[in-house]
Amino acid sequence: SYGSVLEDNHYGTLEDDVVRRDFTINALYYDSKNDEIRDYVGALDDINRRIIRIIGDPVARYTEDPVRMLRAARFSAKLNMPLEADTEAAIVACRDNLRAVPAARLFDEVQKLFMSGYGQTCFDVLQQHGLFEALFPDAEKTIHYPHAAYAQYAKNMMRIALANTDERIAADKPVTIAFLLAAILWPVYQLQYRGLLKERDNWHSAMHEAIDLVHIAASERVAIPVRLRGMIREIWALQARLEQAARGNIRKMHSVLAHPRFRAAYDFLLVRQGAGEDLADLVELWTALQQDPDTAADVEQYRAEQSEDEESAAAPRKRRSRNSNRRKKRD
């Protein structure tokens, strides 16, 4: 199967090892004895020309392991070096082979592509070579949606979320792939949800059914772990709560502010606004609430009350003795 490791644990010469490397830029060897660099595949020339070239016949190498196409895109984005002509052309003939790669392995590759500080550039390179569709076919469809405004909105969602993640990585701030996946799949979810809402009276059940359908379809290509699917669900579900709580009482607002995923949901709201949604009033409200010290104190009090309620509900009830019941009956 594609991407499987062959049984080839044999020792060979340095020349044999060279041809097993993926790309010429990864096939330079240092000879410590003679203090020189050995180049068997024209790697130095490719580096000077600033191109990414696969070693050997591109179609054969991509067929042997289709993930090499994703690695080529990642190196191109990271090093700001275009693919050599034949290395690029073979992707068109071979990219469908990515469908046969285990979904769990593709998830690992998605993390490398989008969580290394140059995710937005990786996204653009994947788009350029038709590789994003191999990973997220439904998300790719939203980028080419018949309604031009929605297609642009979908692309904006992805690029803004990726740019924000790149900035956070550069600033050494915590990041999670769940937030990115939520942004990539959000346009898919919105279309699914709106379709179900026409058939359902209950928006809440339509929302969760839509989330389930999006996760099932996406995981056929990229295996999203259960824990991350839970985080994505919370971020999406909180978007509705942010809107509803804004129309409700202060108690509902405190409930949303106290949610463990509130900050991620708020940041997601900002991405939606940046992508083109008219959410200025909603963003202004939740921004002001976070900056209000009185609100912060109220939220802490709300959390304390919720914690007390949970402890009370979890506490075991005392069993009443039969004798006490008999005494009451006699009395």
Foldseek 3Di string as FASTA:
>chain_A
DAPDDDPDPDDDDLVVVQLVDFWQLPRWDADPVVRDIDRDQCNVVCVVVQETETRDQLLVSCLNHVCSLLVRLQCCQVSVGYYDPRNLVSCVVRLLVLLVPQQAVVQVSLCSCQQPLRNLSSVVSCVVSVNVCLQPVLLVCQCVDPPPLSNLLLVLLLNVQSNVNSVCVVVVHDDDVLLNVLSSCVSVLVVQLVVVVVVDPDSVVSNVVSLVVSQVVNCSNHNDDPVSSVLSSVLVVVLVLLVVVVVPDVLSVLVLVLDPCNVSNLVSVVSSVSSPDPCVVSNVVVVVLVVDPVSVVVSVVSVVVVVVVVVVVPDDDDDDDPVVVVVVVVD
